[in-house]
C-alpha atoms as a PDB file:
ATOM      1  CA  UNK A   1       4.982  20.579 -35.324  1.00  0.00           C
ATOM      2  CA  UNK A   2       2.540  19.962 -32.470  1.00  0.00           C
ATOM      3  CA  UNK A   3       2.610  22.485 -29.640  1.00  0.00           C
ATOM      4  CA  UNK A   4       3.772  21.085 -26.266  1.00  0.00           C
ATOM      5  CA  UNK A   5       1.131  21.069 -23.558  1.00  0.00           C
ATOM      6  CA  UNK A   6       3.249  19.841 -20.621  1.00  0.00           C
ATOM      7  CA  UNK A   7       6.737  20.836 -19.465  1.00  0.00           C
ATOM      8  CA  UNK A   8       8.064  17.285 -19.604  1.00  0.00           C
ATOM      9  CA  UNK A   9      11.400  16.471 -21.182  1.00  0.00           C
ATOM     10  CA  UNK A  10      11.355  14.287 -24.276  1.00  0.00           C
ATOM     11  CA  UNK A  11      14.039  12.011 -22.845  1.00  0.00           C
ATOM     12  CA  UNK A  12      16.411  11.478 -19.942  1.00  0.00           C
ATOM     13  CA  UNK A  13      19.992  10.266 -19.784  1.00  0.00           C
ATOM     14  CA  UNK A  14      21.940   7.541 -18.014  1.00  0.00           C
ATOM     15  CA  UNK A  15      23.639  10.218 -15.927  1.00  0.00           C
ATOM     16  CA  UNK A  16      20.267  11.648 -14.771  1.00  0.00           C
ATOM     17  CA  UNK A  17      18.831   8.240 -13.873  1.00  0.00           C
ATOM     18  CA  UNK A  18      21.888   7.357 -11.824  1.00  0.00           C
ATOM     19  CA  UNK A  19      21.918  10.784 -10.137  1.00  0.00           C
ATOM     20  CA  UNK A  20      18.278  10.541  -9.068  1.00  0.00           C
ATOM     21  CA  UNK A  21      18.675   6.938  -7.880  1.00  0.00           C
ATOM     22  CA  UNK A  22      21.619   8.019  -5.735  1.00  0.00           C
ATOM     23  CA  UNK A  23      19.664  11.065  -4.498  1.00  0.00           C
ATOM     24  CA  UNK A  24      17.067   8.598  -3.196  1.00  0.00           C
ATOM     25  CA  UNK A  25      19.850   6.428  -1.733  1.00  0.00           C
ATOM     26  CA  UNK A  26      18.538   3.312  -3.464  1.00  0.00           C
ATOM     27  CA  UNK A  27      20.389   0.364  -4.930  1.00  0.00           C
ATOM     28  CA  UNK A  28      19.661  -0.552  -8.533  1.00  0.00           C
ATOM     29  CA  UNK A  29      17.478  -3.418  -7.291  1.00  0.00           C
ATOM     30  CA  UNK A  30      15.493  -1.140  -4.936  1.00  0.00           C
ATOM     31  CA  UNK A  31      15.097   1.499  -7.641  1.00  0.00           C
ATOM     32  CA  UNK A  32      13.890  -1.171 -10.087  1.00  0.00           C
ATOM     33  CA  UNK A  33      11.202  -2.238  -7.592  1.00  0.00           C
ATOM     34  CA  UNK A  34      10.172   1.377  -7.085  1.00  0.00           C
ATOM     35  CA  UNK A  35       9.732   2.161 -10.791  1.00  0.00           C
ATOM     36  CA  UNK A  36       8.289  -1.267 -11.675  1.00  0.00           C
ATOM     37  CA  UNK A  37      10.985  -2.716 -13.895  1.00  0.00           C
ATOM     38  CA  UNK A  38      13.837  -5.201 -13.654  1.00  0.00           C
ATOM     39  CA  UNK A  39      17.323  -4.593 -12.285  1.00  0.00           C
ATOM     40  CA  UNK A  40      18.834  -5.311 -15.750  1.00  0.00           C
ATOM     41  CA  UNK A  41      16.660  -2.488 -17.146  1.00  0.00           C
ATOM     42  CA  UNK A  42      18.111  -0.069 -14.579  1.00  0.00           C
ATOM     43  CA  UNK A  43      21.625  -1.311 -15.382  1.00  0.00           C
ATOM     44  CA  UNK A  44      20.966  -0.794 -19.105  1.00  0.00           C
ATOM     45  CA  UNK A  45      19.540   2.696 -18.546  1.00  0.00           C
ATOM     46  CA  UNK A  46      22.475   3.727 -16.361  1.00  0.00           C
ATOM     47  CA  UNK A  47      25.041   2.671 -18.965  1.00  0.00           C
ATOM     48  CA  UNK A  48      23.163   3.774 -22.074  1.00  0.00           C
ATOM     49  CA  UNK A  49      24.735   6.296 -24.404  1.00  0.00           C
ATOM     50  CA  UNK A  50      21.343   6.808 -26.113  1.00  0.00           C
ATOM     51  CA  UNK A  51      18.486   8.980 -24.854  1.00  0.00           C
ATOM     52  CA  UNK A  52      16.020   7.105 -22.623  1.00  0.00           C
ATOM     53  CA  UNK A  53      12.346   7.717 -23.324  1.00  0.00           C
ATOM     54  CA  UNK A  54       9.029   6.576 -21.955  1.00  0.00           C
ATOM     55  CA  UNK A  55       7.131   6.972 -18.679  1.00  0.00           C
ATOM     56  CA  UNK A  56      10.371   6.957 -16.679  1.00  0.00           C
ATOM     57  CA  UNK A  57      11.108  10.478 -17.996  1.00  0.00           C
ATOM     58  CA  UNK A  58       8.014  11.929 -16.294  1.00  0.00           C
ATOM     59  CA  UNK A  59       8.544   9.799 -13.184  1.00  0.00           C
ATOM     60  CA  UNK A  60      12.111  11.060 -12.736  1.00  0.00           C
ATOM     61  CA  UNK A  61      11.002  14.650 -13.246  1.00  0.00           C
ATOM     62  CA  UNK A  62       8.299  14.256 -10.577  1.00  0.00           C
ATOM     63  CA  UNK A  63      10.711  12.570  -8.159  1.00  0.00           C
ATOM     64  CA  UNK A  64      13.239  15.340  -8.631  1.00  0.00           C
ATOM     65  CA  UNK A  65      10.588  17.984  -7.878  1.00  0.00           C
ATOM     66  CA  UNK A  66       9.255  16.094  -4.825  1.00  0.00           C
ATOM     67  CA  UNK A  67      11.871  13.633  -3.524  1.00  0.00           C
ATOM     68  CA  UNK A  68       9.957  13.301  -0.243  1.00  0.00           C
ATOM     69  CA  UNK A  69       7.055  11.684  -2.084  1.00  0.00           C
ATOM     70  CA  UNK A  70       9.112   8.485  -2.217  1.00  0.00           C
ATOM     71  CA  UNK A  71       9.681   8.372   1.558  1.00  0.00           C
ATOM     72  CA  UNK A  72       5.918   8.778   2.038  1.00  0.00           C
ATOM     73  CA  UNK A  73       5.480   5.510   0.117  1.00  0.00           C
ATOM     74  CA  UNK A  74       8.004   3.540   2.156  1.00  0.00           C
ATOM     75  CA  UNK A  75       6.676   0.622   4.163  1.00  0.00           C
ATOM     76  CA  UNK A  76       8.190   0.686   7.657  1.00  0.00           C
ATOM     77  CA  UNK A  77       9.504  -2.457   9.302  1.00  0.00           C
ATOM     78  CA  UNK A  78       6.827  -4.245  11.274  1.00  0.00           C
ATOM     79  CA  UNK A  79       6.831  -2.987  14.869  1.00  0.00           C
ATOM     80  CA  UNK A  80       4.197  -5.270  16.357  1.00  0.00           C
ATOM     81  CA  UNK A  81       3.538  -9.029  15.935  1.00  0.00           C
ATOM     82  CA  UNK A  82       0.608  -8.774  13.497  1.00  0.00           C
ATOM     83  CA  UNK A  83       0.300  -6.703  10.324  1.00  0.00           C
ATOM     84  CA  UNK A  84      -2.859  -6.011   8.342  1.00  0.00           C
ATOM     85  CA  UNK A  85      -2.813  -4.445   4.872  1.00  0.00           C
ATOM     86  CA  UNK A  86      -6.082  -2.578   4.283  1.00  0.00           C
ATOM     87  CA  UNK A  87      -6.451  -2.410   0.521  1.00  0.00           C
ATOM     88  CA  UNK A  88      -8.742  -0.874  -2.073  1.00  0.00           C
ATOM     89  CA  UNK A  89      -8.402  -3.005  -5.187  1.00  0.00           C
ATOM     90  CA  UNK A  90      -4.589  -3.128  -5.465  1.00  0.00           C
ATOM     91  CA  UNK A  91      -3.893   0.167  -3.666  1.00  0.00           C
ATOM     92  CA  UNK A  92      -2.564   0.038  -0.117  1.00  0.00           C
ATOM     93  CA  UNK A  93      -4.698   2.402   1.970  1.00  0.00           C
ATOM     94  CA  UNK A  94      -3.636   1.711   5.565  1.00  0.00           C
ATOM     95  CA  UNK A  95      -0.958  -0.454   7.146  1.00  0.00           C
ATOM     96  CA  UNK A  96      -2.057  -1.642  10.595  1.00  0.00           C
ATOM     97  CA  UNK A  97       0.408  -3.177  13.055  1.00  0.00           C
ATOM     98  CA  UNK A  98      -1.241  -4.890  16.034  1.00  0.00           C
ATOM     99  CA  UNK A  99      -0.133  -6.332  19.361  1.00  0.00           C
ATOM    100  CA  UNK A 100      -3.222  -8.208  20.515  1.00  0.00           C
ATOM    101  CA  UNK A 101      -1.748  -9.218  23.873  1.00  0.00           C
ATOM    102  CA  UNK A 102      -0.845  -5.667  24.910  1.00  0.00           C
ATOM    103  CA  UNK A 103      -3.752  -4.161  22.923  1.00  0.00           C
ATOM    104  CA  UNK A 104      -1.556  -1.768  20.911  1.00  0.00           C
ATOM    105  CA  UNK A 105      -2.208  -0.428  17.421  1.00  0.00           C
ATOM    106  CA  UNK A 106       0.111   1.499  15.106  1.00  0.00           C
ATOM    107  CA  UNK A 107      -1.007   2.639  11.654  1.00  0.00           C
ATOM    108  CA  UNK A 108       0.337   4.355   8.571  1.00  0.00           C
ATOM    109  CA  UNK A 109      -2.027   5.721   5.937  1.00  0.00           C
ATOM    110  CA  UNK A 110      -1.007   5.728   2.278  1.00  0.00           C
ATOM    111  CA  UNK A 111      -3.873   7.881   1.034  1.00  0.00           C
ATOM    112  CA  UNK A 112      -5.125  11.365   1.827  1.00  0.00           C
ATOM    113  CA  UNK A 113      -8.717  10.315   1.159  1.00  0.00           C
ATOM    114  CA  UNK A 114     -10.153   9.727   4.639  1.00  0.00           C
ATOM    115  CA  UNK A 115     -12.901   7.592   3.118  1.00  0.00           C
ATOM    116  CA  UNK A 116     -10.181   5.112   2.117  1.00  0.00           C
ATOM    117  CA  UNK A 117      -8.315   5.191   5.459  1.00  0.00           C
ATOM    118  CA  UNK A 118      -9.110   2.266   7.766  1.00  0.00           C
ATOM    119  CA  UNK A 119      -9.863   4.589  10.667  1.00  0.00           C
ATOM    120  CA  UNK A 120     -11.049   7.645   8.740  1.00  0.00           C
ATOM    121  CA  UNK A 121      -9.354  10.774  10.058  1.00  0.00           C
ATOM    122  CA  UNK A 122      -8.084   9.082  13.246  1.00  0.00           C
ATOM    123  CA  UNK A 123      -4.268   8.856  13.178  1.00  0.00           C
ATOM    124  CA  UNK A 124      -3.836   7.058  16.526  1.00  0.00           C
ATOM    125  CA  UNK A 125      -6.702   4.586  16.967  1.00  0.00           C
ATOM    126  CA  UNK A 126      -7.129   2.655  20.198  1.00  0.00           C
ATOM    127  CA  UNK A 127      -7.690  -1.091  20.459  1.00  0.00           C
ATOM    128  CA  UNK A 128     -11.463  -0.691  20.693  1.00  0.00           C
ATOM    129  CA  UNK A 129     -11.436   1.227  17.394  1.00  0.00           C
ATOM    130  CA  UNK A 130      -9.415  -1.610  15.865  1.00  0.00           C
ATOM    131  CA  UNK A 131     -11.957  -4.180  17.051  1.00  0.00           C
ATOM    132  CA  UNK A 132     -14.818  -2.048  15.672  1.00  0.00           C
ATOM    133  CA  UNK A 133     -12.935  -1.766  12.366  1.00  0.00           C
ATOM    134  CA  UNK A 134     -12.576  -5.569  12.147  1.00  0.00           C
ATOM    135  CA  UNK A 135     -16.258  -6.038  12.848  1.00  0.00           C
ATOM    136  CA  UNK A 136     -17.140  -3.467  10.174  1.00  0.00           C
ATOM    137  CA  UNK A 137     -15.429  -5.737   7.612  1.00  0.00           C
ATOM    138  CA  UNK A 138     -17.639  -8.723   8.532  1.00  0.00           C
ATOM    139  CA  UNK A 139     -21.284  -9.596   8.370  1.00  0.00           C
ATOM    140  CA  UNK A 140     -23.194  -8.347  11.437  1.00  0.00           C
ATOM    141  CA  UNK A 141     -23.470 -10.457  14.588  1.00  0.00           C
ATOM    142  CA  UNK A 142     -27.252 -10.245  14.231  1.00  0.00           C
ATOM    143  CA  UNK A 143     -27.244 -11.675  10.695  1.00  0.00           C
ATOM    144  CA  UNK A 144     -30.059 -14.110   9.944  1.00  0.00           C
ATOM    145  CA  UNK A 145     -28.765 -17.690   9.764  1.00  0.00           C
ATOM    146  CA  UNK A 146     -25.352 -16.600  11.100  1.00  0.00           C
ATOM    147  CA  UNK A 147     -24.619 -20.097  12.429  1.00  0.00           C
ATOM    148  CA  UNK A 148     -24.970 -21.528   8.919  1.00  0.00           C
ATOM    149  CA  UNK A 149     -22.566 -18.931   7.522  1.00  0.00           C
ATOM    150  CA  UNK A 150     -20.054 -19.659  10.284  1.00  0.00           C
ATOM    151  CA  UNK A 151     -20.391 -23.380   9.589  1.00  0.00           C
ATOM    152  CA  UNK A 152     -19.745 -22.766   5.868  1.00  0.00           C
ATOM    153  CA  UNK A 153     -16.615 -20.802   6.833  1.00  0.00           C
ATOM    154  CA  UNK A 154     -15.609 -23.589   9.258  1.00  0.00           C
ATOM    155  CA  UNK A 155     -15.515 -21.127  12.161  1.00  0.00           C
ATOM    156  CA  UNK A 156     -16.910 -22.340  15.531  1.00  0.00           C
ATOM    157  CA  UNK A 157     -18.134 -18.931  16.785  1.00  0.00           C
ATOM    158  CA  UNK A 158     -18.456 -15.309  15.700  1.00  0.00           C
ATOM    159  CA  UNK A 159     -14.956 -13.792  15.721  1.00  0.00           C
ATOM    160  CA  UNK A 160     -14.286 -10.905  13.310  1.00  0.00           C
ATOM    161  CA  UNK A 161     -10.581 -11.738  12.986  1.00  0.00           C
ATOM    162  CA  UNK A 162     -11.276 -15.390  12.098  1.00  0.00           C
ATOM    163  CA  UNK A 163     -13.929 -14.290   9.617  1.00  0.00           C
ATOM    164  CA  UNK A 164     -11.491 -11.848   7.972  1.00  0.00           C
ATOM    165  CA  UNK A 165      -8.860 -14.600   7.757  1.00  0.00           C
ATOM    166  CA  UNK A 166     -11.356 -16.626   5.703  1.00  0.00           C
ATOM    167  CA  UNK A 167     -12.979 -13.825   3.680  1.00  0.00           C
ATOM    168  CA  UNK A 168     -10.193 -11.192   3.497  1.00  0.00           C
ATOM    169  CA  UNK A 169     -12.796  -8.806   4.893  1.00  0.00           C
ATOM    170  CA  UNK A 170     -14.345  -8.531   1.445  1.00  0.00           C
ATOM    171  CA  UNK A 171     -17.846  -7.114   1.328  1.00  0.00           C
ATOM    172  CA  UNK A 172     -20.263  -7.388  -1.594  1.00  0.00           C
ATOM    173  CA  UNK A 173     -20.751  -3.638  -1.873  1.00  0.00           C
ATOM    174  CA  UNK A 174     -17.138  -2.395  -2.048  1.00  0.00           C
ATOM    175  CA  UNK A 175     -13.619  -3.112  -3.305  1.00  0.00           C
ATOM    176  CA  UNK A 176     -11.835  -3.008   0.064  1.00  0.00           C
ATOM    177  CA  UNK A 177     -10.127  -6.066   1.504  1.00  0.00           C
ATOM    178  CA  UNK A 178      -7.536  -7.031   4.117  1.00  0.00           C
ATOM    179  CA  UNK A 179      -4.369  -9.086   3.867  1.00  0.00           C
ATOM    180  CA  UNK A 180      -3.121 -10.528   7.153  1.00  0.00           C
ATOM    181  CA  UNK A 181       0.585 -11.032   7.752  1.00  0.00           C
ATOM    182  CA  UNK A 182       1.829 -12.810  10.875  1.00  0.00           C
END
């Protein structure tokens, strides 16, 4: 018999799955979204008389040890009219809510790596920092043949926000991008 290297249970039970879901105060549908499966899978797990195996065993064990880790992943309701999702590949790095009229910014970081945070180590950026961030995700104002690039993008003048709407703020040298939600 192979010696165990990690203190992870071999299986979990319907009772344990239901208990942890209720600990998190999630519906079956919400819990399914969290763990990346369907609601019928959660229903099946919670009524199963057989042991449940697979990655969910480790996930439940980790959640039970650190239930607050789930609240750290929650996406708050939008507080300002505009929302930007600053992404690295498919990982959400920073959620940015913006009120352009009143020049207000509210952010939530989803990574501890300050190199992946939209504003680095700044937790409460001001509007000028937001504008500088937008410009950092575009080609420079001084770019050679900028008018041709703007024409190709069908943008009448240099505006970082309009450029990001067209390009998702994607740059050739990295895997960061921005999704805009109005």
